[in-house]
Protein backbone atom coordinates (compact mmCIF):
# COMPACT_ATOMS: atom_id res chain seq x y z
CA ALA A 1 -60.10 -104.70 -45.40
CA ASP A 2 -59.30 -101.28 -43.90
CA VAL A 3 -62.57 -101.24 -41.95
CA VAL A 4 -61.86 -104.71 -40.52
CA ARG A 5 -58.34 -103.66 -39.48
CA LEU A 6 -59.64 -100.43 -37.91
CA GLY A 7 -62.18 -102.43 -35.90
CA THR A 8 -59.57 -104.95 -34.80
CA GLU A 9 -56.89 -102.41 -33.88
CA SER A 10 -59.28 -100.02 -32.10
CA VAL A 11 -59.90 -102.60 -29.36
CA GLN A 12 -56.16 -102.72 -28.66
CA VAL A 13 -55.94 -98.90 -28.68
CA ILE A 14 -58.72 -98.64 -26.09
CA ASP A 15 -57.01 -101.30 -23.93
CA HIS A 16 -53.67 -99.48 -24.25
CA MET A 17 -55.14 -96.08 -23.40
CA TYR A 18 -56.86 -97.59 -20.35
CA ALA A 19 -53.60 -99.27 -19.27
CA ILE A 20 -51.70 -95.96 -19.33
CA GLY A 21 -54.34 -94.16 -17.34
CA ALA A 22 -57.13 -92.78 -19.53
CA PRO A 23 -60.18 -92.69 -17.19
CA PHE A 24 -62.82 -94.31 -19.42
CA ALA A 25 -66.42 -94.07 -18.23
CA ARG A 26 -67.91 -97.30 -16.87
CA GLU A 27 -71.37 -98.76 -16.44
CA TYR A 28 -72.46 -99.72 -12.93
CA GLY A 29 -71.48 -103.35 -13.58
CA GLY A 30 -67.90 -102.34 -14.42
CA GLN A 31 -68.10 -102.62 -18.23
CA LEU A 32 -66.75 -99.73 -20.30
CA ALA A 33 -69.61 -97.36 -21.11
CA THR A 34 -70.49 -96.41 -24.68
CA ARG A 35 -72.63 -93.64 -26.14
CA SER A 36 -73.57 -92.33 -29.56
CA PHE A 37 -71.70 -89.43 -31.12
CA GLY A 38 -72.32 -87.32 -34.19
CA GLY A 39 -75.95 -88.25 -34.74
CA VAL A 40 -75.20 -91.98 -35.02
CA GLN A 41 -78.19 -94.03 -33.86
CA VAL A 42 -76.04 -96.74 -32.24
CA SER A 43 -74.19 -96.37 -28.96
CA ARG A 44 -70.75 -97.60 -30.02
CA THR A 45 -68.15 -95.04 -28.86
CA TYR A 46 -66.10 -95.45 -25.70
CA TYR A 47 -65.49 -92.17 -23.90
CA THR A 48 -63.66 -90.81 -20.89
CA ARG A 49 -65.04 -88.84 -18.02
CA GLY A 50 -64.69 -85.15 -18.81
CA GLU A 51 -63.26 -84.05 -22.14
CA THR A 52 -62.26 -87.25 -23.96
CA GLY A 53 -59.54 -85.76 -26.17
CA GLN A 54 -57.95 -83.95 -23.26
CA GLN A 55 -58.04 -87.06 -21.08
CA LEU A 56 -56.40 -89.18 -23.79
CA GLU A 57 -53.72 -86.52 -24.32
CA VAL A 58 -53.02 -86.29 -20.58
CA ALA A 59 -52.73 -90.11 -20.32
CA CYS A 60 -50.29 -90.21 -23.28
CA SER A 61 -48.28 -87.31 -21.88
CA GLN A 62 -48.01 -88.95 -18.46
CA ALA A 63 -46.90 -92.25 -20.04
CA LEU A 64 -44.27 -90.36 -22.08
CA GLN A 65 -43.02 -88.55 -18.97
CA ALA A 66 -42.68 -91.89 -17.18
CA GLN A 67 -40.54 -93.21 -20.06
CA ILE A 68 -38.41 -90.04 -19.98
CA ASP A 69 -37.93 -90.45 -16.21
CA ALA A 70 -36.98 -94.11 -16.75
CA GLY A 71 -34.36 -93.04 -19.28
CA SER A 72 -35.83 -95.00 -22.20
CA VAL A 73 -36.92 -91.88 -24.11
CA THR A 74 -34.99 -88.67 -24.71
CA MET A 75 -36.90 -85.47 -25.45
CA HIS A 76 -35.49 -82.92 -27.85
CA ASN A 77 -37.37 -79.75 -27.01
CA ARG A 78 -36.74 -76.59 -29.01
CA THR A 79 -35.66 -78.64 -32.02
CA GLU A 80 -37.07 -78.40 -35.53
CA MET A 81 -36.95 -80.85 -38.40
CA LEU A 82 -35.15 -79.36 -41.39
CA ASP A 83 -35.32 -82.28 -43.78
CA LEU A 84 -36.20 -85.93 -44.18
CA ILE A 85 -33.43 -88.38 -45.08
CA VAL A 86 -34.68 -90.68 -47.83
CA ALA A 87 -32.73 -93.68 -49.17
CA ASP A 88 -34.04 -96.44 -51.42
CA GLY A 89 -37.42 -94.69 -51.48
CA LYS A 90 -37.86 -94.99 -47.70
CA ALA A 91 -37.59 -92.49 -44.87
CA GLN A 92 -34.40 -93.41 -43.02
CA GLY A 93 -33.84 -90.43 -40.75
CA ILE A 94 -34.19 -86.69 -40.29
CA VAL A 95 -32.02 -83.59 -40.15
CA THR A 96 -32.72 -81.26 -37.22
CA ARG A 97 -31.66 -77.87 -35.90
CA ASP A 98 -31.39 -77.04 -32.22
CA LEU A 99 -33.24 -73.74 -31.91
CA LEU A 100 -31.10 -72.61 -28.94
CA THR A 101 -27.62 -73.41 -30.25
CA GLY A 102 -28.22 -73.58 -34.00
CA GLU A 103 -26.53 -77.01 -34.19
CA VAL A 104 -27.60 -79.02 -37.25
CA LYS A 105 -27.59 -82.79 -36.78
CA ALA A 106 -28.53 -85.84 -38.86
CA TRP A 107 -30.38 -88.70 -37.15
CA THR A 108 -30.61 -92.06 -38.91
CA ALA A 109 -33.38 -94.51 -38.08
CA HIS A 110 -35.13 -97.68 -39.17
CA VAL A 111 -38.47 -95.88 -38.78
CA VAL A 112 -39.48 -92.21 -38.94
CA ILE A 113 -42.74 -91.13 -37.33
CA LEU A 114 -43.94 -87.57 -37.80
CA CYS A 115 -46.05 -86.54 -34.80
CA THR A 116 -46.34 -82.92 -35.80
CA GLY A 117 -49.88 -81.99 -34.87
CA GLY A 118 -52.07 -80.11 -37.27
CA TYR A 119 -51.85 -76.76 -38.94
CA GLY A 120 -52.78 -74.79 -35.82
CA SER A 121 -52.14 -71.33 -37.29
CA VAL A 122 -55.17 -71.71 -39.53
CA TYR A 123 -57.53 -71.44 -36.52
CA HIS A 124 -58.20 -68.32 -34.48
CA TRP A 125 -58.73 -70.35 -31.29
CA SER A 126 -56.81 -73.60 -31.05
CA THR A 127 -55.23 -75.84 -28.45
CA LEU A 128 -52.39 -76.60 -30.86
CA ALA A 129 -48.95 -75.24 -30.09
CA LYS A 130 -47.73 -72.20 -32.03
CA GLY A 131 -45.08 -74.46 -33.56
CA SER A 132 -47.77 -76.68 -35.11
CA ASN A 133 -47.46 -75.09 -38.52
CA ALA A 134 -47.20 -78.15 -40.81
CA THR A 135 -43.55 -77.40 -41.65
CA ALA A 136 -42.30 -80.94 -40.93
CA THR A 137 -45.20 -82.45 -42.86
CA TRP A 138 -44.47 -80.16 -45.83
CA ARG A 139 -40.77 -81.03 -45.76
CA ALA A 140 -41.60 -84.75 -45.74
CA HIS A 141 -44.09 -84.24 -48.59
CA ARG A 142 -41.39 -82.58 -50.70
CA GLN A 143 -39.31 -85.77 -50.36
CA GLY A 144 -42.19 -87.86 -51.70
């Protein structure tokens, strides 16, 4: 069931990434190009021109910046998550600290998404931000 859902959803992810500007490679006839990766014998992976991961990140970042400019998204830079608010066994918000002012604030929500990146400090060379240290993930894990 998970493999079927992954296959179904991946088509929509590719369409979405293309719609927000990821420059996917194309065949001469205009179809999205595919190639094999990781020793797989079948050419089944869509890819962008240049570095695929970087291109996808740039497209997402540009789409986020457009939403910020439109006023539909507010960025909270220099803010760290201190704790996860859990009620009835579900994540229902977070507690944050503004790293410039020290202000602690609770944010309630219907949905909490942790987009924290990986544990970048584990690698000598990494494109992850210095703040990608798994702290938010650990704090959420402590809450169950």
